[in-house]
Amino acid sequence: MDMHNMAGSQNMGQQTNFIPNPLPVPKRHSRREMSYDYEVSPDQMHYDVEIHPADDFDI
């Protein structure tokens, strides 16, 4: 007899009943929208800092 058939035949017709969890659970996550006092213009949205090509600080 095949192992897959044996495992499947034991669980057929049986329903699993779980007990309620007695441990406290964290609150559900609620999405929040971030709002700021002002809108940043696209010309101020630069995060790349230009460095000198001979600057080898990461070696």
PDB file of N, CA and C in Angstrom:
ATOM      1  N   MET A   1       0.846  -1.175   0.000  1.00  0.00           N
ATOM      2  CA  MET A   1       0.000   0.000   0.000  1.00  0.00           C
ATOM      3  C   MET A   1       0.894   1.241   0.000  1.00  0.00           C
ATOM      4  N   ASP A   2       0.493   2.258  -0.696  1.00  0.00           N
ATOM      5  CA  ASP A   2       1.262   3.490  -0.837  1.00  0.00           C
ATOM      6  C   ASP A   2       1.117   4.346   0.426  1.00  0.00           C
ATOM      7  N   MET A   3       2.200   5.034   0.820  1.00  0.00           N
ATOM      8  CA  MET A   3       2.168   5.867   2.030  1.00  0.00           C
ATOM      9  C   MET A   3       1.193   7.032   1.880  1.00  0.00           C
ATOM     10  N   HIS A   4       1.072   7.607   0.674  1.00  0.00           N
ATOM     11  CA  HIS A   4       0.146   8.715   0.459  1.00  0.00           C
ATOM     12  C   HIS A   4      -1.299   8.261   0.629  1.00  0.00           C
ATOM     13  N   ASN A   5      -1.604   7.055   0.187  1.00  0.00           N
ATOM     14  CA  ASN A   5      -2.960   6.541   0.327  1.00  0.00           C
ATOM     15  C   ASN A   5      -3.296   6.244   1.783  1.00  0.00           C
ATOM     16  N   MET A   6      -2.311   5.766   2.543  1.00  0.00           N
ATOM     17  CA  MET A   6      -2.546   5.466   3.946  1.00  0.00           C
ATOM     18  C   MET A   6      -2.822   6.739   4.746  1.00  0.00           C
ATOM     19  N   ALA A   7      -2.044   7.789   4.502  1.00  0.00           N
ATOM     20  CA  ALA A   7      -2.221   9.036   5.238  1.00  0.00           C
ATOM     21  C   ALA A   7      -3.558   9.679   4.885  1.00  0.00           C
ATOM     22  N   GLY A   8      -3.954   9.604   3.620  1.00  0.00           N
ATOM     23  CA  GLY A   8      -5.216  10.201   3.197  1.00  0.00           C
ATOM     24  C   GLY A   8      -6.427   9.454   3.728  1.00  0.00           C
ATOM     25  N   SER A   9      -6.317   8.124   3.865  1.00  0.00           N
ATOM     26  CA  SER A   9      -7.466   7.354   4.323  1.00  0.00           C
ATOM     27  C   SER A   9      -7.722   7.544   5.812  1.00  0.00           C
ATOM     28  N   GLN A  10      -6.710   7.886   6.587  1.00  0.00           N
ATOM     29  CA  GLN A  10      -6.895   8.087   8.020  1.00  0.00           C
ATOM     30  C   GLN A  10      -7.641   9.388   8.305  1.00  0.00           C
ATOM     31  N   ASN A  11      -7.446  10.422   7.489  1.00  0.00           N
ATOM     32  CA  ASN A  11      -8.047  11.730   7.734  1.00  0.00           C
ATOM     33  C   ASN A  11      -9.383  11.924   7.024  1.00  0.00           C
ATOM     34  N   MET A  12      -9.805  10.970   6.234  1.00  0.00           N
ATOM     35  CA  MET A  12     -11.056  11.132   5.494  1.00  0.00           C
ATOM     36  C   MET A  12     -12.248  11.074   6.452  1.00  0.00           C
ATOM     37  N   GLY A  13     -13.152  12.028   6.300  1.00  0.00           N
ATOM     38  CA  GLY A  13     -14.373  12.015   7.081  1.00  0.00           C
ATOM     39  C   GLY A  13     -14.221  12.599   8.475  1.00  0.00           C
ATOM     40  N   GLN A  14     -13.042  12.956   8.882  1.00  0.00           N
ATOM     41  CA  GLN A  14     -12.849  13.535  10.205  1.00  0.00           C
ATOM     42  C   GLN A  14     -12.679  15.037  10.079  1.00  0.00           C
ATOM     43  N   GLN A  15     -13.335  15.774  10.937  1.00  0.00           N
ATOM     44  CA  GLN A  15     -13.211  17.225  10.940  1.00  0.00           C
ATOM     45  C   GLN A  15     -12.371  17.629  12.141  1.00  0.00           C
ATOM     46  N   THR A  16     -11.422  18.525  11.941  1.00  0.00           N
ATOM     47  CA  THR A  16     -10.561  18.973  13.019  1.00  0.00           C
ATOM     48  C   THR A  16     -11.258  20.066  13.804  1.00  0.00           C
ATOM     49  N   ASN A  17     -11.318  19.916  15.111  1.00  0.00           N
ATOM     50  CA  ASN A  17     -11.916  20.915  15.989  1.00  0.00           C
ATOM     51  C   ASN A  17     -10.797  21.567  16.792  1.00  0.00           C
ATOM     52  N   PHE A  18     -10.650  22.864  16.652  1.00  0.00           N
ATOM     53  CA  PHE A  18      -9.628  23.599  17.371  1.00  0.00           C
ATOM     54  C   PHE A  18     -10.219  24.236  18.617  1.00  0.00           C
ATOM     55  N   ILE A  19      -9.394  24.336  19.666  1.00  0.00           N
ATOM     56  CA  ILE A  19      -9.843  25.034  20.867  1.00  0.00           C
ATOM     57  C   ILE A  19      -9.560  26.525  20.695  1.00  0.00           C
ATOM     58  N   PRO A  20     -10.316  27.412  21.362  1.00  0.00           N
ATOM     59  CA  PRO A  20     -10.037  28.853  21.250  1.00  0.00           C
ATOM     60  C   PRO A  20      -8.679  29.183  21.864  1.00  0.00           C
ATOM     61  N   ASN A  21      -8.004  30.157  21.297  1.00  0.00           N
ATOM     62  CA  ASN A  21      -6.684  30.551  21.761  1.00  0.00           C
ATOM     63  C   ASN A  21      -6.826  31.388  23.041  1.00  0.00           C
ATOM     64  N   PRO A  22      -6.298  30.937  24.176  1.00  0.00           N
ATOM     65  CA  PRO A  22      -6.423  31.705  25.411  1.00  0.00           C
ATOM     66  C   PRO A  22      -5.406  32.840  25.528  1.00  0.00           C
ATOM     67  N   LEU A  23      -4.424  32.882  24.635  1.00  0.00           N
ATOM     68  CA  LEU A  23      -3.388  33.906  24.704  1.00  0.00           C
ATOM     69  C   LEU A  23      -3.854  35.197  24.055  1.00  0.00           C
ATOM     70  N   PRO A  24      -3.405  36.343  24.569  1.00  0.00           N
ATOM     71  CA  PRO A  24      -3.777  37.615  23.932  1.00  0.00           C
ATOM     72  C   PRO A  24      -3.097  37.753  22.575  1.00  0.00           C
ATOM     73  N   VAL A  25      -3.784  38.331  21.645  1.00  0.00           N
ATOM     74  CA  VAL A  25      -3.243  38.533  20.302  1.00  0.00           C
ATOM     75  C   VAL A  25      -3.122  40.035  20.038  1.00  0.00           C
ATOM     76  N   PRO A  26      -2.195  40.438  19.168  1.00  0.00           N
ATOM     77  CA  PRO A  26      -2.067  41.869  18.868  1.00  0.00           C
ATOM     78  C   PRO A  26      -3.282  42.391  18.106  1.00  0.00           C
ATOM     79  N   LYS A  27      -3.498  43.706  18.193  1.00  0.00           N
ATOM     80  CA  LYS A  27      -4.618  44.325  17.490  1.00  0.00           C
ATOM     81  C   LYS A  27      -4.411  44.235  15.984  1.00  0.00           C
ATOM     82  N   ARG A  28      -5.486  44.238  15.252  1.00  0.00           N
ATOM     83  CA  ARG A  28      -5.425  44.213  13.797  1.00  0.00           C
ATOM     84  C   ARG A  28      -4.798  45.503  13.293  1.00  0.00           C
ATOM     85  N   HIS A  29      -4.027  45.413  12.225  1.00  0.00           N
ATOM     86  CA  HIS A  29      -3.363  46.578  11.653  1.00  0.00           C
ATOM     87  C   HIS A  29      -4.370  47.413  10.871  1.00  0.00           C
ATOM     88  N   SER A  30      -4.385  48.709  11.142  1.00  0.00           N
ATOM     89  CA  SER A  30      -5.244  49.604  10.365  1.00  0.00           C
ATOM     90  C   SER A  30      -4.348  50.549   9.571  1.00  0.00           C
ATOM     91  N   ARG A  31      -4.659  50.698   8.305  1.00  0.00           N
ATOM     92  CA  ARG A  31      -3.845  51.561   7.437  1.00  0.00           C
ATOM     93  C   ARG A  31      -4.107  53.018   7.753  1.00  0.00           C
ATOM     94  N   ARG A  32      -3.007  53.781   7.797  1.00  0.00           N
ATOM     95  CA  ARG A  32      -3.116  55.215   8.018  1.00  0.00           C
ATOM     96  C   ARG A  32      -2.485  55.933   6.842  1.00  0.00           C
ATOM     97  N   GLU A  33      -3.035  57.049   6.503  1.00  0.00           N
ATOM     98  CA  GLU A  33      -2.473  57.859   5.421  1.00  0.00           C
ATOM     99  C   GLU A  33      -1.623  58.953   6.041  1.00  0.00           C
ATOM    100  N   MET A  34      -0.409  59.092   5.525  1.00  0.00           N
ATOM    101  CA  MET A  34       0.497  60.114   6.033  1.00  0.00           C
ATOM    102  C   MET A  34       0.181  61.439   5.358  1.00  0.00           C
ATOM    103  N   SER A  35       0.057  62.464   6.150  1.00  0.00           N
ATOM    104  CA  SER A  35      -0.159  63.790   5.583  1.00  0.00           C
ATOM    105  C   SER A  35       0.888  64.730   6.177  1.00  0.00           C
ATOM    106  N   TYR A  36       1.319  65.682   5.373  1.00  0.00           N
ATOM    107  CA  TYR A  36       2.352  66.623   5.777  1.00  0.00           C
ATOM    108  C   TYR A  36       1.808  68.045   5.658  1.00  0.00           C
ATOM    109  N   ASP A  37       2.496  68.975   6.301  1.00  0.00           N
ATOM    110  CA  ASP A  37       2.044  70.357   6.285  1.00  0.00           C
ATOM    111  C   ASP A  37       2.175  70.995   4.907  1.00  0.00           C
ATOM    112  N   TYR A  38       3.137  70.542   4.125  1.00  0.00           N
ATOM    113  CA  TYR A  38       3.327  71.134   2.800  1.00  0.00           C
ATOM    114  C   TYR A  38       3.782  70.059   1.821  1.00  0.00           C
ATOM    115  N   GLU A  39       3.571  70.328   0.567  1.00  0.00           N
ATOM    116  CA  GLU A  39       3.983  69.427  -0.504  1.00  0.00           C
ATOM    117  C   GLU A  39       5.376  69.828  -0.987  1.00  0.00           C
ATOM    118  N   VAL A  40       6.272  68.871  -1.077  1.00  0.00           N
ATOM    119  CA  VAL A  40       7.639  69.145  -1.529  1.00  0.00           C
ATOM    120  C   VAL A  40       7.646  69.189  -3.053  1.00  0.00           C
ATOM    121  N   SER A  41       8.275  70.235  -3.586  1.00  0.00           N
ATOM    122  CA  SER A  41       8.317  70.381  -5.044  1.00  0.00           C
ATOM    123  C   SER A  41       9.294  69.369  -5.642  1.00  0.00           C
ATOM    124  N   PRO A  42       9.070  68.960  -6.892  1.00  0.00           N
ATOM    125  CA  PRO A  42       9.937  67.955  -7.521  1.00  0.00           C
ATOM    126  C   PRO A  42      11.402  68.391  -7.641  1.00  0.00           C
ATOM    127  N   ASP A  43      11.678  69.696  -7.753  1.00  0.00           N
ATOM    128  CA  ASP A  43      13.074  70.117  -7.866  1.00  0.00           C
ATOM    129  C   ASP A  43      13.823  69.979  -6.537  1.00  0.00           C
ATOM    130  N   GLN A  44      13.118  69.804  -5.424  1.00  0.00           N
ATOM    131  CA  GLN A  44      13.759  69.576  -4.133  1.00  0.00           C
ATOM    132  C   GLN A  44      13.845  68.085  -3.779  1.00  0.00           C
ATOM    133  N   MET A  45      13.337  67.247  -4.639  1.00  0.00           N
ATOM    134  CA  MET A  45      13.315  65.808  -4.373  1.00  0.00           C
ATOM    135  C   MET A  45      14.573  65.128  -4.916  1.00  0.00           C
ATOM    136  N   HIS A  46      15.730  65.555  -4.474  1.00  0.00           N
ATOM    137  CA  HIS A  46      16.976  64.912  -4.886  1.00  0.00           C
ATOM    138  C   HIS A  46      17.660  64.336  -3.647  1.00  0.00           C
ATOM    139  N   TYR A  47      17.911  63.039  -3.716  1.00  0.00           N
ATOM    140  CA  TYR A  47      18.517  62.362  -2.576  1.00  0.00           C
ATOM    141  C   TYR A  47      19.911  61.839  -2.905  1.00  0.00           C
ATOM    142  N   ASP A  48      20.257  61.776  -4.168  1.00  0.00           N
ATOM    143  CA  ASP A  48      21.586  61.319  -4.544  1.00  0.00           C
ATOM    144  C   ASP A  48      22.576  62.450  -4.329  1.00  0.00           C
ATOM    145  N   VAL A  49      23.612  62.179  -3.568  1.00  0.00           N
ATOM    146  CA  VAL A  49      24.632  63.170  -3.280  1.00  0.00           C
ATOM    147  C   VAL A  49      25.790  62.926  -4.234  1.00  0.00           C
ATOM    148  N   GLU A  50      26.147  63.939  -4.988  1.00  0.00           N
ATOM    149  CA  GLU A  50      27.265  63.818  -5.919  1.00  0.00           C
ATOM    150  C   GLU A  50      28.572  63.821  -5.137  1.00  0.00           C
ATOM    151  N   ILE A  51      29.415  62.834  -5.425  1.00  0.00           N
ATOM    152  CA  ILE A  51      30.713  62.771  -4.779  1.00  0.00           C
ATOM    153  C   ILE A  51      31.808  62.850  -5.833  1.00  0.00           C
ATOM    154  N   HIS A  52      32.988  63.190  -5.414  1.00  0.00           N
ATOM    155  CA  HIS A  52      34.130  63.289  -6.308  1.00  0.00           C
ATOM    156  C   HIS A  52      34.525  61.901  -6.774  1.00  0.00           C
ATOM    157  N   PRO A  53      34.873  61.714  -8.052  1.00  0.00           N
ATOM    158  CA  PRO A  53      35.220  60.366  -8.545  1.00  0.00           C
ATOM    159  C   PRO A  53      36.434  59.756  -7.835  1.00  0.00           C
ATOM    160  N   ALA A  54      37.337  60.586  -7.324  1.00  0.00           N
ATOM    161  CA  ALA A  54      38.528  60.063  -6.651  1.00  0.00           C
ATOM    162  C   ALA A  54      38.260  59.762  -5.171  1.00  0.00           C
ATOM    163  N   ASP A  55      37.071  59.996  -4.684  1.00  0.00           N
ATOM    164  CA  ASP A  55      36.748  59.724  -3.294  1.00  0.00           C
ATOM    165  C   ASP A  55      36.502  58.237  -3.116  1.00  0.00           C
ATOM    166  N   ASP A  56      37.393  57.560  -2.413  1.00  0.00           N
ATOM    167  CA  ASP A  56      37.330  56.110  -2.235  1.00  0.00           C
ATOM    168  C   ASP A  56      36.974  55.764  -0.788  1.00  0.00           C
ATOM    169  N   PHE A  57      35.936  56.357  -0.270  1.00  0.00           N
ATOM    170  CA  PHE A  57      35.586  56.141   1.125  1.00  0.00           C
ATOM    171  C   PHE A  57      35.019  54.745   1.378  1.00  0.00           C
ATOM    172  N   ASP A  58      34.553  54.054   0.341  1.00  0.00           N
ATOM    173  CA  ASP A  58      33.912  52.752   0.538  1.00  0.00           C
ATOM    174  C   ASP A  58      34.840  51.570   0.283  1.00  0.00           C
ATOM    175  N   ILE A  59      36.110  51.820   0.081  1.00  0.00           N
ATOM    176  CA  ILE A  59      37.039  50.710  -0.179  1.00  0.00           C
ATOM    177  C   ILE A  59      37.605  50.209   1.126  1.00  0.00           C
TER     178      ILE A  59
END
